[in-house]
PDB file of N, CA and C in Angstrom:
ATOM      1  N   PRO A   1     142.891-211.842 -68.823  1.00  0.00           N
ATOM      2  CA  PRO A   1     143.186-211.115 -67.583  1.00  0.00           C
ATOM      3  C   PRO A   1     143.295-212.082 -66.409  1.00  0.00           C
ATOM      4  N   GLN A   2     144.269-211.865 -65.549  1.00  0.00           N
ATOM      5  CA  GLN A   2     144.478-212.729 -64.385  1.00  0.00           C
ATOM      6  C   GLN A   2     143.397-212.430 -63.358  1.00  0.00           C
ATOM      7  N   MET A   3     142.669-213.451 -62.951  1.00  0.00           N
ATOM      8  CA  MET A   3     141.636-213.219 -61.942  1.00  0.00           C
ATOM      9  C   MET A   3     142.269-213.290 -60.559  1.00  0.00           C
ATOM     10  N   PRO A   4     141.768-212.457 -59.635  1.00  0.00           N
ATOM     11  CA  PRO A   4     142.377-212.415 -58.301  1.00  0.00           C
ATOM     12  C   PRO A   4     142.265-213.759 -57.586  1.00  0.00           C
ATOM     13  N   HIS A   5     141.294-214.613 -58.002  1.00  0.00           N
ATOM     14  CA  HIS A   5     141.097-215.871 -57.301  1.00  0.00           C
ATOM     15  C   HIS A   5     141.608-217.035 -58.128  1.00  0.00           C
ATOM     16  N   GLY A   6     142.524-216.755 -59.056  1.00  0.00           N
ATOM     17  CA  GLY A   6     143.020-217.786 -59.953  1.00  0.00           C
ATOM     18  C   GLY A   6     143.723-218.923 -59.242  1.00  0.00           C
ATOM     19  N   HIS A   7     144.217-218.661 -58.014  1.00  0.00           N
ATOM     20  CA  HIS A   7     144.969-219.692 -57.301  1.00  0.00           C
ATOM     21  C   HIS A   7     144.058-220.609 -56.500  1.00  0.00           C
ATOM     22  N   MET A   8     142.754-220.305 -56.433  1.00  0.00           N
ATOM     23  CA  MET A   8     141.838-221.122 -55.637  1.00  0.00           C
ATOM     24  C   MET A   8     141.517-222.411 -56.374  1.00  0.00           C
ATOM     25  N   PRO A   9     141.294-223.513 -55.620  1.00  0.00           N
ATOM     26  CA  PRO A   9     140.797-224.723 -56.288  1.00  0.00           C
ATOM     27  C   PRO A   9     139.402-224.445 -56.863  1.00  0.00           C
ATOM     28  N   LEU A  10     139.108-225.084 -57.978  1.00  0.00           N
ATOM     29  CA  LEU A  10     137.886-224.778 -58.717  1.00  0.00           C
ATOM     30  C   LEU A  10     136.611-224.879 -57.877  1.00  0.00           C
ATOM     31  N   PRO A  11     136.400-225.969 -57.108  1.00  0.00           N
ATOM     32  CA  PRO A  11     135.141-226.061 -56.350  1.00  0.00           C
ATOM     33  C   PRO A  11     134.931-224.866 -55.430  1.00  0.00           C
ATOM     34  N   SER A  12     135.987-224.430 -54.731  1.00  0.00           N
ATOM     35  CA  SER A  12     135.786-223.299 -53.818  1.00  0.00           C
ATOM     36  C   SER A  12     135.597-222.010 -54.615  1.00  0.00           C
ATOM     37  N   PHE A  13     136.238-221.942 -55.785  1.00  0.00           N
ATOM     38  CA  PHE A  13     136.017-220.763 -56.632  1.00  0.00           C
ATOM     39  C   PHE A  13     134.544-220.678 -57.032  1.00  0.00           C
ATOM     40  N   TRP A  14     133.970-221.809 -57.500  1.00  0.00           N
ATOM     41  CA  TRP A  14     132.564-221.806 -57.928  1.00  0.00           C
ATOM     42  C   TRP A  14     131.636-221.537 -56.758  1.00  0.00           C
ATOM     43  N   LYS A  15     132.007-222.070 -55.575  1.00  0.00           N
ATOM     44  CA  LYS A  15     131.180-221.813 -54.402  1.00  0.00           C
ATOM     45  C   LYS A  15     131.168-220.309 -54.128  1.00  0.00           C
ATOM     46  N   MET A  16     132.356-219.681 -54.232  1.00  0.00           N
ATOM     47  CA  MET A  16     132.448-218.250 -53.988  1.00  0.00           C
ATOM     48  C   MET A  16     131.602-217.473 -55.001  1.00  0.00           C
ATOM     49  N   VAL A  17     131.693-217.899 -56.265  1.00  0.00           N
ATOM     50  CA  VAL A  17     130.905-217.236 -57.304  1.00  0.00           C
ATOM     51  C   VAL A  17     129.416-217.351 -56.975  1.00  0.00           C
ATOM     52  N   LYS A  18     129.006-218.567 -56.590  1.00  0.00           N
ATOM     53  CA  LYS A  18     127.589-218.790 -56.294  1.00  0.00           C
ATOM     54  C   LYS A  18     127.149-217.937 -55.113  1.00  0.00           C
ATOM     55  N   ASP A  19     127.969-217.918 -54.044  1.00  0.00           N
ATOM     56  CA  ASP A  19     127.637-217.117 -52.872  1.00  0.00           C
ATOM     57  C   ASP A  19     127.521-215.642 -53.234  1.00  0.00           C
ATOM     58  N   THR A  20     128.473-215.177 -54.050  1.00  0.00           N
ATOM     59  CA  THR A  20     128.462-213.774 -54.460  1.00  0.00           C
ATOM     60  C   THR A  20     127.192-213.466 -55.236  1.00  0.00           C
ATOM     61  N   LEU A  21     126.830-214.378 -56.148  1.00  0.00           N
ATOM     62  CA  LEU A  21     125.623-214.156 -56.953  1.00  0.00           C
ATOM     63  C   LEU A  21     124.384-214.136 -56.073  1.00  0.00           C
ATOM     64  N   GLN A  22     124.310-215.077 -55.122  1.00  0.00           N
ATOM     65  CA  GLN A  22     123.148-215.103 -54.226  1.00  0.00           C
ATOM     66  C   GLN A  22     123.081-213.819 -53.419  1.00  0.00           C
ATOM     67  N   GLN A  23     124.235-213.369 -52.979  1.00  0.00           N
ATOM     68  CA  GLN A  23     124.306-212.148 -52.193  1.00  0.00           C
ATOM     69  C   GLN A  23     123.842-210.949 -53.020  1.00  0.00           C
ATOM     70  N   SER A  24     124.344-210.856 -54.271  1.00  0.00           N
ATOM     71  CA  SER A  24     123.939-209.684 -55.064  1.00  0.00           C
ATOM     72  C   SER A  24     122.478-209.802 -55.460  1.00  0.00           C
ATOM     73  N   SER A  25     121.976-211.011 -55.612  1.00  0.00           N
ATOM     74  CA  SER A  25     120.553-211.184 -55.910  1.00  0.00           C
ATOM     75  C   SER A  25     119.718-210.686 -54.733  1.00  0.00           C
ATOM     76  N   ALA A  26     120.154-211.024 -53.525  1.00  0.00           N
ATOM     77  CA  ALA A  26     119.445-210.562 -52.333  1.00  0.00           C
ATOM     78  C   ALA A  26     119.529-209.045 -52.222  1.00  0.00           C
ATOM     79  N   GLN A  27     120.735-208.511 -52.493  1.00  0.00           N
ATOM     80  CA  GLN A  27     120.908-207.054 -52.435  1.00  0.00           C
ATOM     81  C   GLN A  27     120.006-206.381 -53.461  1.00  0.00           C
ATOM     82  N   LEU A  28     119.914-207.003 -54.639  1.00  0.00           N
ATOM     83  CA  LEU A  28     119.099-206.423 -55.698  1.00  0.00           C
ATOM     84  C   LEU A  28     117.636-206.391 -55.280  1.00  0.00           C
ATOM     85  N   GLN A  29     117.162-207.489 -54.660  1.00  0.00           N
ATOM     86  CA  GLN A  29     115.775-207.517 -54.203  1.00  0.00           C
ATOM     87  C   GLN A  29     115.532-206.416 -53.186  1.00  0.00           C
ATOM     88  N   THR A  30     116.456-206.289 -52.229  1.00  0.00           N
ATOM     89  CA  THR A  30     116.335-205.239 -51.222  1.00  0.00           C
ATOM     90  C   THR A  30     116.316-203.875 -51.897  1.00  0.00           C
ATOM     91  N   PHE A  31     117.232-203.703 -52.859  1.00  0.00           N
ATOM     92  CA  PHE A  31     117.309-202.434 -53.582  1.00  0.00           C
ATOM     93  C   PHE A  31     115.978-202.129 -54.262  1.00  0.00           C
ATOM     94  N   CYS A  32     115.426-203.138 -54.950  1.00  0.00           N
ATOM     95  CA  CYS A  32     114.160-202.919 -55.663  1.00  0.00           C
ATOM     96  C   CYS A  32     113.040-202.577 -54.686  1.00  0.00           C
ATOM     97  N   GLN A  33     113.000-203.283 -53.552  1.00  0.00           N
ATOM     98  CA  GLN A  33     111.956-202.997 -52.565  1.00  0.00           C
ATOM     99  C   GLN A  33     112.123-201.589 -52.020  1.00  0.00           C
ATOM    100  N   THR A  34     113.364-201.239 -51.675  1.00  0.00           N
ATOM    101  CA  THR A  34     113.633-199.901 -51.155  1.00  0.00           C
ATOM    102  C   THR A  34     113.238-198.869 -52.202  1.00  0.00           C
ATOM    103  N   PHE A  35     113.633-199.153 -53.440  1.00  0.00           N
ATOM    104  CA  PHE A  35     113.358-198.201 -54.510  1.00  0.00           C
ATOM    105  C   PHE A  35     111.854-197.985 -54.653  1.00  0.00           C
ATOM    106  N   GLU A  36     111.087-199.101 -54.588  1.00  0.00           N
ATOM    107  CA  GLU A  36     109.640-198.971 -54.731  1.00  0.00           C
ATOM    108  C   GLU A  36     109.043-198.180 -53.580  1.00  0.00           C
ATOM    109  N   THR A  37     109.588-198.357 -52.360  1.00  0.00           N
ATOM    110  CA  THR A  37     108.965-197.682 -51.226  1.00  0.00           C
ATOM    111  C   THR A  37     109.408-196.229 -51.110  1.00  0.00           C
ATOM    112  N   VAL A  38     110.613-195.884 -51.589  1.00  0.00           N
ATOM    113  CA  VAL A  38     111.064-194.502 -51.394  1.00  0.00           C
ATOM    114  C   VAL A  38     111.016-193.654 -52.663  1.00  0.00           C
ATOM    115  N   THR A  39     110.480-194.217 -53.761  1.00  0.00           N
ATOM    116  CA  THR A  39     110.440-193.416 -54.974  1.00  0.00           C
ATOM    117  C   THR A  39     109.624-192.143 -54.707  1.00  0.00           C
ATOM    118  N   PRO A  40     110.244-190.990 -54.867  1.00  0.00           N
ATOM    119  CA  PRO A  40     109.553-189.739 -54.540  1.00  0.00           C
ATOM    120  C   PRO A  40     108.509-189.385 -55.601  1.00  0.00           C
ATOM    121  N   SER A  41     107.747-188.352 -55.289  1.00  0.00           N
ATOM    122  CA  SER A  41     106.778-187.881 -56.274  1.00  0.00           C
ATOM    123  C   SER A  41     107.529-187.374 -57.507  1.00  0.00           C
ATOM    124  N   PRO A  42     106.891-187.376 -58.681  1.00  0.00           N
ATOM    125  CA  PRO A  42     107.567-187.014 -59.931  1.00  0.00           C
ATOM    126  C   PRO A  42     108.366-185.714 -59.882  1.00  0.00           C
ATOM    127  N   VAL A  43     107.972-184.798 -59.003  1.00  0.00           N
ATOM    128  CA  VAL A  43     108.634-183.500 -58.950  1.00  0.00           C
ATOM    129  C   VAL A  43     110.127-183.630 -58.666  1.00  0.00           C
ATOM    130  N   THR A  44     110.487-184.519 -57.747  1.00  0.00           N
ATOM    131  CA  THR A  44     111.887-184.626 -57.354  1.00  0.00           C
ATOM    132  C   THR A  44     112.613-185.770 -58.063  1.00  0.00           C
ATOM    133  N   GLN A  45     112.032-186.247 -59.143  1.00  0.00           N
ATOM    134  CA  GLN A  45     112.684-187.320 -59.893  1.00  0.00           C
ATOM    135  C   GLN A  45     114.057-186.874 -60.397  1.00  0.00           C
ATOM    136  N   PRO A  46     115.013-187.811 -60.488  1.00  0.00           N
ATOM    137  CA  PRO A  46     116.311-187.454 -61.079  1.00  0.00           C
ATOM    138  C   PRO A  46     116.152-187.082 -62.550  1.00  0.00           C
ATOM    139  N   LEU A  47     117.222-186.570 -63.108  1.00  0.00           N
ATOM    140  CA  LEU A  47     117.205-186.003 -64.455  1.00  0.00           C
ATOM    141  C   LEU A  47     116.383-186.763 -65.472  1.00  0.00           C
ATOM    142  N   ASN A  48     116.689-188.061 -65.617  1.00  0.00           N
ATOM    143  CA  ASN A  48     116.011-188.772 -66.684  1.00  0.00           C
ATOM    144  C   ASN A  48     115.325-190.013 -66.145  1.00  0.00           C
ATOM    145  N   PRO A  49     114.080-189.857 -65.668  1.00  0.00           N
ATOM    146  CA  PRO A  49     113.383-190.999 -65.076  1.00  0.00           C
ATOM    147  C   PRO A  49     113.178-192.138 -66.072  1.00  0.00           C
ATOM    148  N   ALA A  50     113.024-191.810 -67.344  1.00  0.00           N
ATOM    149  CA  ALA A  50     112.801-192.860 -68.345  1.00  0.00           C
ATOM    150  C   ALA A  50     114.020-193.767 -68.424  1.00  0.00           C
ATOM    151  N   GLU A  51     115.205-193.146 -68.448  1.00  0.00           N
ATOM    152  CA  GLU A  51     116.449-193.919 -68.525  1.00  0.00           C
ATOM    153  C   GLU A  51     116.608-194.771 -67.261  1.00  0.00           C
ATOM    154  N   GLU A  52     116.268-194.171 -66.120  1.00  0.00           N
ATOM    155  CA  GLU A  52     116.407-194.901 -64.865  1.00  0.00           C
ATOM    156  C   GLU A  52     115.462-196.104 -64.811  1.00  0.00           C
ATOM    157  N   ARG A  53     114.216-195.894 -65.248  1.00  0.00           N
ATOM    158  CA  ARG A  53     113.264-197.013 -65.298  1.00  0.00           C
ATOM    159  C   ARG A  53     113.784-198.107 -66.215  1.00  0.00           C
ATOM    160  N   LYS A  54     114.374-197.687 -67.337  1.00  0.00           N
ATOM    161  CA  LYS A  54     114.894-198.650 -68.305  1.00  0.00           C
ATOM    162  C   LYS A  54     116.003-199.486 -67.663  1.00  0.00           C
ATOM    163  N   VAL A  55     116.921-198.813 -66.944  1.00  0.00           N
ATOM    164  CA  VAL A  55     118.021-199.516 -66.296  1.00  0.00           C
ATOM    165  C   VAL A  55     117.463-200.516 -65.284  1.00  0.00           C
ATOM    166  N   LEU A  56     116.473-200.076 -64.488  1.00  0.00           N
ATOM    167  CA  LEU A  56     115.891-200.981 -63.495  1.00  0.00           C
ATOM    168  C   LEU A  56     115.233-202.177 -64.164  1.00  0.00           C
ATOM    169  N   SER A  57     114.571-201.953 -65.294  1.00  0.00           N
ATOM    170  CA  SER A  57     113.920-203.087 -65.945  1.00  0.00           C
ATOM    171  C   SER A  57     114.954-204.018 -66.558  1.00  0.00           C
ATOM    172  N   LEU A  58     116.072-203.456 -67.074  1.00  0.00           N
ATOM    173  CA  LEU A  58     117.149-204.300 -67.597  1.00  0.00           C
ATOM    174  C   LEU A  58     117.770-205.133 -66.470  1.00  0.00           C
ATOM    175  N   VAL A  59     117.958-204.496 -65.302  1.00  0.00           N
ATOM    176  CA  VAL A  59     118.529-205.216 -64.162  1.00  0.00           C
ATOM    177  C   VAL A  59     117.608-206.356 -63.755  1.00  0.00           C
ATOM    178  N   SER A  60     116.295-206.074 -63.701  1.00  0.00           N
ATOM    179  CA  SER A  60     115.393-207.125 -63.234  1.00  0.00           C
ATOM    180  C   SER A  60     115.271-208.244 -64.262  1.00  0.00           C
ATOM    181  N   LYS A  61     115.418-207.904 -65.549  1.00  0.00           N
ATOM    182  CA  LYS A  61     115.325-208.943 -66.589  1.00  0.00           C
ATOM    183  C   LYS A  61     116.604-209.744 -66.718  1.00  0.00           C
ATOM    184  N   HIS A  62     117.755-209.078 -66.664  1.00  0.00           N
ATOM    185  CA  HIS A  62     119.012-209.735 -67.027  1.00  0.00           C
ATOM    186  C   HIS A  62     120.009-209.864 -65.882  1.00  0.00           C
ATOM    187  N   GLY A  63     119.793-209.103 -64.793  1.00  0.00           N
ATOM    188  CA  GLY A  63     120.747-209.142 -63.678  1.00  0.00           C
ATOM    189  C   GLY A  63     121.798-208.054 -63.824  1.00  0.00           C
ATOM    190  N   PRO A  64     122.309-207.546 -62.687  1.00  0.00           N
ATOM    191  CA  PRO A  64     123.226-206.390 -62.712  1.00  0.00           C
ATOM    192  C   PRO A  64     124.544-206.666 -63.412  1.00  0.00           C
ATOM    193  N   ASP A  65     124.975-207.949 -63.414  1.00  0.00           N
ATOM    194  CA  ASP A  65     126.283-208.247 -63.999  1.00  0.00           C
ATOM    195  C   ASP A  65     126.247-208.258 -65.520  1.00  0.00           C
ATOM    196  N   LYS A  66     125.058-208.096 -66.116  1.00  0.00           N
ATOM    197  CA  LYS A  66     124.949-208.102 -67.575  1.00  0.00           C
ATOM    198  C   LYS A  66     124.871-206.676 -68.144  1.00  0.00           C
ATOM    199  N   LEU A  67     124.917-205.660 -67.255  1.00  0.00           N
ATOM    200  CA  LEU A  67     124.730-204.294 -67.735  1.00  0.00           C
ATOM    201  C   LEU A  67     126.048-203.694 -68.222  1.00  0.00           C
ATOM    202  N   TYR A  68     125.955-203.051 -69.365  1.00  0.00           N
ATOM    203  CA  TYR A  68     127.115-202.387 -69.955  1.00  0.00           C
ATOM    204  C   TYR A  68     126.731-200.966 -70.318  1.00  0.00           C
ATOM    205  N   GLN A  69     127.737-200.091 -70.301  1.00  0.00           N
ATOM    206  CA  GLN A  69     127.517-198.708 -70.687  1.00  0.00           C
ATOM    207  C   GLN A  69     128.231-198.457 -72.012  1.00  0.00           C
ATOM    208  N   VAL A  70     127.556-197.709 -72.884  1.00  0.00           N
ATOM    209  CA  VAL A  70     128.127-197.381 -74.185  1.00  0.00           C
ATOM    210  C   VAL A  70     129.191-196.295 -73.983  1.00  0.00           C
ATOM    211  N   THR A  71     130.420-196.560 -74.462  1.00  0.00           N
ATOM    212  CA  THR A  71     131.517-195.620 -74.198  1.00  0.00           C
ATOM    213  C   THR A  71     131.638-194.520 -75.245  1.00  0.00           C
ATOM    214  N   SER A  72     131.096-194.758 -76.451  1.00  0.00           N
ATOM    215  CA  SER A  72     131.074-193.682 -77.443  1.00  0.00           C
ATOM    216  C   SER A  72     129.912-193.945 -78.397  1.00  0.00           C
ATOM    217  N   ASN A  73     129.448-192.895 -79.070  1.00  0.00           N
ATOM    218  CA  ASN A  73     128.285-193.041 -79.938  1.00  0.00           C
ATOM    219  C   ASN A  73     128.481-194.172 -80.946  1.00  0.00           C
ATOM    220  N   ILE A  74     127.423-194.932 -81.153  1.00  0.00           N
ATOM    221  CA  ILE A  74     127.473-196.045 -82.094  1.00  0.00           C
ATOM    222  C   ILE A  74     126.414-195.776 -83.159  1.00  0.00           C
ATOM    223  N   SER A  75     126.826-195.746 -84.427  1.00  0.00           N
ATOM    224  CA  SER A  75     125.795-195.651 -85.462  1.00  0.00           C
ATOM    225  C   SER A  75     125.785-196.963 -86.235  1.00  0.00           C
ATOM    226  N   GLY A  76     124.674-197.672 -86.100  1.00  0.00           N
ATOM    227  CA  GLY A  76     124.545-198.987 -86.712  1.00  0.00           C
ATOM    228  C   GLY A  76     124.552-198.876 -88.225  1.00  0.00           C
ATOM    229  N   SER A  77     125.343-199.723 -88.876  1.00  0.00           N
ATOM    230  CA  SER A  77     125.432-199.656 -90.333  1.00  0.00           C
ATOM    231  C   SER A  77     124.736-200.841 -90.991  1.00  0.00           C
ATOM    232  N   LYS A  78     124.810-202.012 -90.338  1.00  0.00           N
ATOM    233  CA  LYS A  78     124.206-203.203 -90.921  1.00  0.00           C
ATOM    234  C   LYS A  78     122.781-203.389 -90.400  1.00  0.00           C
ATOM    235  N   ASP A  79     122.062-204.331 -91.014  1.00  0.00           N
ATOM    236  CA  ASP A  79     120.778-204.742 -90.455  1.00  0.00           C
ATOM    237  C   ASP A  79     121.010-205.254 -89.048  1.00  0.00           C
ATOM    238  N   LEU A  80     120.046-205.011 -88.188  1.00  0.00           N
ATOM    239  CA  LEU A  80     120.105-205.487 -86.802  1.00  0.00           C
ATOM    240  C   LEU A  80     121.136-204.770 -85.947  1.00  0.00           C
ATOM    241  N   ASP A  81     121.868-203.786 -86.516  1.00  0.00           N
ATOM    242  CA  ASP A  81     122.778-202.990 -85.692  1.00  0.00           C
ATOM    243  C   ASP A  81     121.961-201.926 -84.957  1.00  0.00           C
ATOM    244  N   LEU A  82     122.348-201.623 -83.731  1.00  0.00           N
ATOM    245  CA  LEU A  82     121.678-200.560 -82.994  1.00  0.00           C
ATOM    246  C   LEU A  82     122.463-199.261 -83.136  1.00  0.00           C
ATOM    247  N   THR A  83     121.745-198.156 -83.112  1.00  0.00           N
ATOM    248  CA  THR A  83     122.377-196.852 -83.035  1.00  0.00           C
ATOM    249  C   THR A  83     122.167-196.359 -81.609  1.00  0.00           C
ATOM    250  N   LEU A  84     123.261-196.148 -80.880  1.00  0.00           N
ATOM    251  CA  LEU A  84     123.164-195.796 -79.464  1.00  0.00           C
ATOM    252  C   LEU A  84     124.041-194.589 -79.160  1.00  0.00           C
ATOM    253  N   LEU A  85     123.658-193.871 -78.109  1.00  0.00           N
ATOM    254  CA  LEU A  85     124.428-192.702 -77.696  1.00  0.00           C
ATOM    255  C   LEU A  85     125.367-193.073 -76.563  1.00  0.00           C
ATOM    256  N   ARG A  86     126.477-192.352 -76.485  1.00  0.00           N
ATOM    257  CA  ARG A  86     127.440-192.538 -75.401  1.00  0.00           C
ATOM    258  C   ARG A  86     126.703-192.398 -74.065  1.00  0.00           C
ATOM    259  N   GLY A  87     126.991-193.302 -73.139  1.00  0.00           N
ATOM    260  CA  GLY A  87     126.382-193.225 -71.815  1.00  0.00           C
ATOM    261  C   GLY A  87     125.131-194.066 -71.655  1.00  0.00           C
ATOM    262  N   GLN A  88     124.563-194.547 -72.769  1.00  0.00           N
ATOM    263  CA  GLN A  88     123.374-195.387 -72.652  1.00  0.00           C
ATOM    264  C   GLN A  88     123.727-196.709 -71.982  1.00  0.00           C
ATOM    265  N   ILE A  89     122.756-197.273 -71.281  1.00  0.00           N
ATOM    266  CA  ILE A  89     122.952-198.549 -70.604  1.00  0.00           C
ATOM    267  C   ILE A  89     122.240-199.635 -71.399  1.00  0.00           C
ATOM    268  N   VAL A  90     122.935-200.739 -71.630  1.00  0.00           N
ATOM    269  CA  VAL A  90     122.329-201.868 -72.338  1.00  0.00           C
ATOM    270  C   VAL A  90     122.619-203.137 -71.539  1.00  0.00           C
ATOM    271  N   ALA A  91     121.856-204.195 -71.831  1.00  0.00           N
ATOM    272  CA  ALA A  91     122.109-205.489 -71.180  1.00  0.00           C
ATOM    273  C   ALA A  91     122.635-206.452 -72.230  1.00  0.00           C
ATOM    274  N   LEU A  92     123.679-207.163 -71.853  1.00  0.00           N
ATOM    275  CA  LEU A  92     124.282-208.121 -72.775  1.00  0.00           C
ATOM    276  C   LEU A  92     123.408-209.369 -72.868  1.00  0.00           C
ATOM    277  N   LEU A  93     123.031-209.744 -74.099  1.00  0.00           N
ATOM    278  CA  LEU A  93     122.263-210.971 -74.309  1.00  0.00           C
ATOM    279  C   LEU A  93     123.195-212.089 -74.771  1.00  0.00           C
ATOM    280  N   GLN A  94     124.136-211.749 -75.632  1.00  0.00           N
ATOM    281  CA  GLN A  94     125.040-212.746 -76.192  1.00  0.00           C
ATOM    282  C   GLN A  94     126.328-212.065 -76.612  1.00  0.00           C
ATOM    283  N   SER A  95     127.481-212.635 -76.239  1.00  0.00           N
ATOM    284  CA  SER A  95     128.743-211.967 -76.572  1.00  0.00           C
ATOM    285  C   SER A  95     129.285-212.455 -77.914  1.00  0.00           C
ATOM    286  N   ALA A  96     128.393-212.555 -78.889  1.00  0.00           N
ATOM    287  CA  ALA A  96     128.776-212.896 -80.267  1.00  0.00           C
ATOM    288  C   ALA A  96     127.567-212.624 -81.158  1.00  0.00           C
ATOM    289  N   ASP A  97     127.810-212.425 -82.462  1.00  0.00           N
ATOM    290  CA  ASP A  97     126.661-212.258 -83.362  1.00  0.00           C
ATOM    291  C   ASP A  97     126.255-213.620 -83.930  1.00  0.00           C
ATOM    292  N   THR A  98     125.304-213.616 -84.867  1.00  0.00           N
ATOM    293  CA  THR A  98     124.757-214.877 -85.372  1.00  0.00           C
ATOM    294  C   THR A  98     125.805-215.730 -86.071  1.00  0.00           C
ATOM    295  N   LYS A  99     126.883-215.094 -86.545  1.00  0.00           N
ATOM    296  CA  LYS A  99     127.942-215.850 -87.228  1.00  0.00           C
ATOM    297  C   LYS A  99     129.061-216.233 -86.259  1.00  0.00           C
ATOM    298  N   GLY A 100     128.859-215.950 -84.974  1.00  0.00           N
ATOM    299  CA  GLY A 100     129.866-216.308 -83.980  1.00  0.00           C
ATOM    300  C   GLY A 100     130.987-215.291 -83.864  1.00  0.00           C
ATOM    301  N   ASN A 101     130.766-214.099 -84.447  1.00  0.00           N
ATOM    302  CA  ASN A 101     131.765-213.033 -84.375  1.00  0.00           C
ATOM    303  C   ASN A 101     131.697-212.385 -82.985  1.00  0.00           C
ATOM    304  N   THR A 102     132.779-212.513 -82.196  1.00  0.00           N
ATOM    305  CA  THR A 102     132.730-212.026 -80.819  1.00  0.00           C
ATOM    306  C   THR A 102     133.027-210.537 -80.695  1.00  0.00           C
ATOM    307  N   SER A 103     133.287-209.851 -81.808  1.00  0.00           N
ATOM    308  CA  SER A 103     133.502-208.407 -81.689  1.00  0.00           C
ATOM    309  C   SER A 103     132.168-207.651 -81.820  1.00  0.00           C
ATOM    310  N   ARG A 104     131.094-208.357 -82.132  1.00  0.00           N
ATOM    311  CA  ARG A 104     129.751-207.741 -82.144  1.00  0.00           C
ATOM    312  C   ARG A 104     128.888-208.478 -81.135  1.00  0.00           C
ATOM    313  N   TRP A 105     128.315-207.719 -80.197  1.00  0.00           N
ATOM    314  CA  TRP A 105     127.504-208.331 -79.150  1.00  0.00           C
ATOM    315  C   TRP A 105     126.034-208.026 -79.366  1.00  0.00           C
ATOM    316  N   LEU A 106     125.205-209.000 -78.995  1.00  0.00           N
ATOM    317  CA  LEU A 106     123.757-208.804 -79.028  1.00  0.00           C
ATOM    318  C   LEU A 106     123.331-208.214 -77.692  1.00  0.00           C
ATOM    319  N   VAL A 107     122.703-207.045 -77.733  1.00  0.00           N
ATOM    320  CA  VAL A 107     122.294-206.391 -76.490  1.00  0.00           C
ATOM    321  C   VAL A 107     120.822-206.016 -76.533  1.00  0.00           C
ATOM    322  N   ASP A 108     120.286-205.815 -75.337  1.00  0.00           N
ATOM    323  CA  ASP A 108     118.924-205.326 -75.151  1.00  0.00           C
ATOM    324  C   ASP A 108     119.073-203.877 -74.690  1.00  0.00           C
ATOM    325  N   ALA A 109     118.582-202.951 -75.507  1.00  0.00           N
ATOM    326  CA  ALA A 109     118.721-201.538 -75.146  1.00  0.00           C
ATOM    327  C   ALA A 109     117.456-201.037 -74.451  1.00  0.00           C
ATOM    328  N   GLY A 110     116.768-201.938 -73.768  1.00  0.00           N
ATOM    329  CA  GLY A 110     115.561-201.543 -73.042  1.00  0.00           C
ATOM    330  C   GLY A 110     114.384-201.402 -73.980  1.00  0.00           C
ATOM    331  N   GLY A 111     114.279-202.254 -74.940  1.00  0.00           N
ATOM    332  CA  GLY A 111     113.237-202.208 -75.958  1.00  0.00           C
ATOM    333  C   GLY A 111     113.832-202.782 -77.217  1.00  0.00           C
ATOM    334  N   PRO A 112     114.539-201.927 -77.978  1.00  0.00           N
ATOM    335  CA  PRO A 112     115.182-202.468 -79.185  1.00  0.00           C
ATOM    336  C   PRO A 112     116.314-203.420 -78.819  1.00  0.00           C
ATOM    337  N   ARG A 113     116.440-204.487 -79.596  1.00  0.00           N
ATOM    338  CA  ARG A 113     117.565-205.401 -79.423  1.00  0.00           C
ATOM    339  C   ARG A 113     118.339-205.438 -80.718  1.00  0.00           C
ATOM    340  N   GLY A 114     119.650-205.553 -80.609  1.00  0.00           N
ATOM    341  CA  GLY A 114     120.444-205.612 -81.826  1.00  0.00           C
ATOM    342  C   GLY A 114     121.910-205.732 -81.485  1.00  0.00           C
ATOM    343  N   PHE A 115     122.742-205.587 -82.513  1.00  0.00           N
ATOM    344  CA  PHE A 115     124.172-205.789 -82.340  1.00  0.00           C
ATOM    345  C   PHE A 115     124.909-204.461 -82.199  1.00  0.00           C
ATOM    346  N   VAL A 116     125.942-204.475 -81.355  1.00  0.00           N
ATOM    347  CA  VAL A 116     126.807-203.311 -81.194  1.00  0.00           C
ATOM    348  C   VAL A 116     128.250-203.804 -81.117  1.00  0.00           C
ATOM    349  N   PRO A 117     129.216-202.936 -81.478  1.00  0.00           N
ATOM    350  CA  PRO A 117     130.628-203.323 -81.363  1.00  0.00           C
ATOM    351  C   PRO A 117     130.990-203.515 -79.884  1.00  0.00           C
ATOM    352  N   ALA A 118     131.527-204.687 -79.558  1.00  0.00           N
ATOM    353  CA  ALA A 118     131.893-204.985 -78.169  1.00  0.00           C
ATOM    354  C   ALA A 118     132.880-203.969 -77.614  1.00  0.00           C
ATOM    355  N   ALA A 119     133.736-203.435 -78.487  1.00  0.00           N
ATOM    356  CA  ALA A 119     134.779-202.516 -78.052  1.00  0.00           C
ATOM    357  C   ALA A 119     134.202-201.214 -77.481  1.00  0.00           C
ATOM    358  N   LYS A 120     132.942-200.921 -77.816  1.00  0.00           N
ATOM    359  CA  LYS A 120     132.349-199.661 -77.352  1.00  0.00           C
ATOM    360  C   LYS A 120     131.477-199.857 -76.109  1.00  0.00           C
ATOM    361  N   LEU A 121     131.639-201.006 -75.438  1.00  0.00           N
ATOM    362  CA  LEU A 121     130.873-201.268 -74.233  1.00  0.00           C
ATOM    363  C   LEU A 121     131.826-201.466 -73.073  1.00  0.00           C
ATOM    364  N   GLN A 122     131.424-200.941 -71.897  1.00  0.00           N
ATOM    365  CA  GLN A 122     132.207-201.226 -70.702  1.00  0.00           C
ATOM    366  C   GLN A 122     131.232-201.658 -69.620  1.00  0.00           C
ATOM    367  N   PRO A 123     131.655-202.557 -68.715  1.00  0.00           N
ATOM    368  CA  PRO A 123     130.751-202.987 -67.645  1.00  0.00           C
ATOM    369  C   PRO A 123     130.247-201.779 -66.859  1.00  0.00           C
ATOM    370  N   TYR A 124     128.974-201.799 -66.513  1.00  0.00           N
ATOM    371  CA  TYR A 124     128.352-200.656 -65.822  1.00  0.00           C
ATOM    372  C   TYR A 124     128.516-200.833 -64.332  1.00  0.00           C
TER     373      TYR A 124
END
């Protein structure tokens, strides 16, 4: 895919990437602080607080740019394959399996870790 900044010289491109990352890291810290201070009592919690906590812990462990959403149900067939439901959020650990196959990614599903078909993940 053609990147919008493909015409930039490399050093300025990397500087931009670094600045963007620092900025989102700062935003994430602010978000986490805000979230901790405004988290309401359990009564008004959103639909699935467990899923939300999981997403927050994945973000804090791996960073927001590593989060992917499962686009359709996955039923793991091999050892180390994960079975996941459509809509679940996972964090990418490695974009290849142990044999270097890039169509199976190693993800952290907020506890269980295992492989899923890359084609069934989209950036969150």
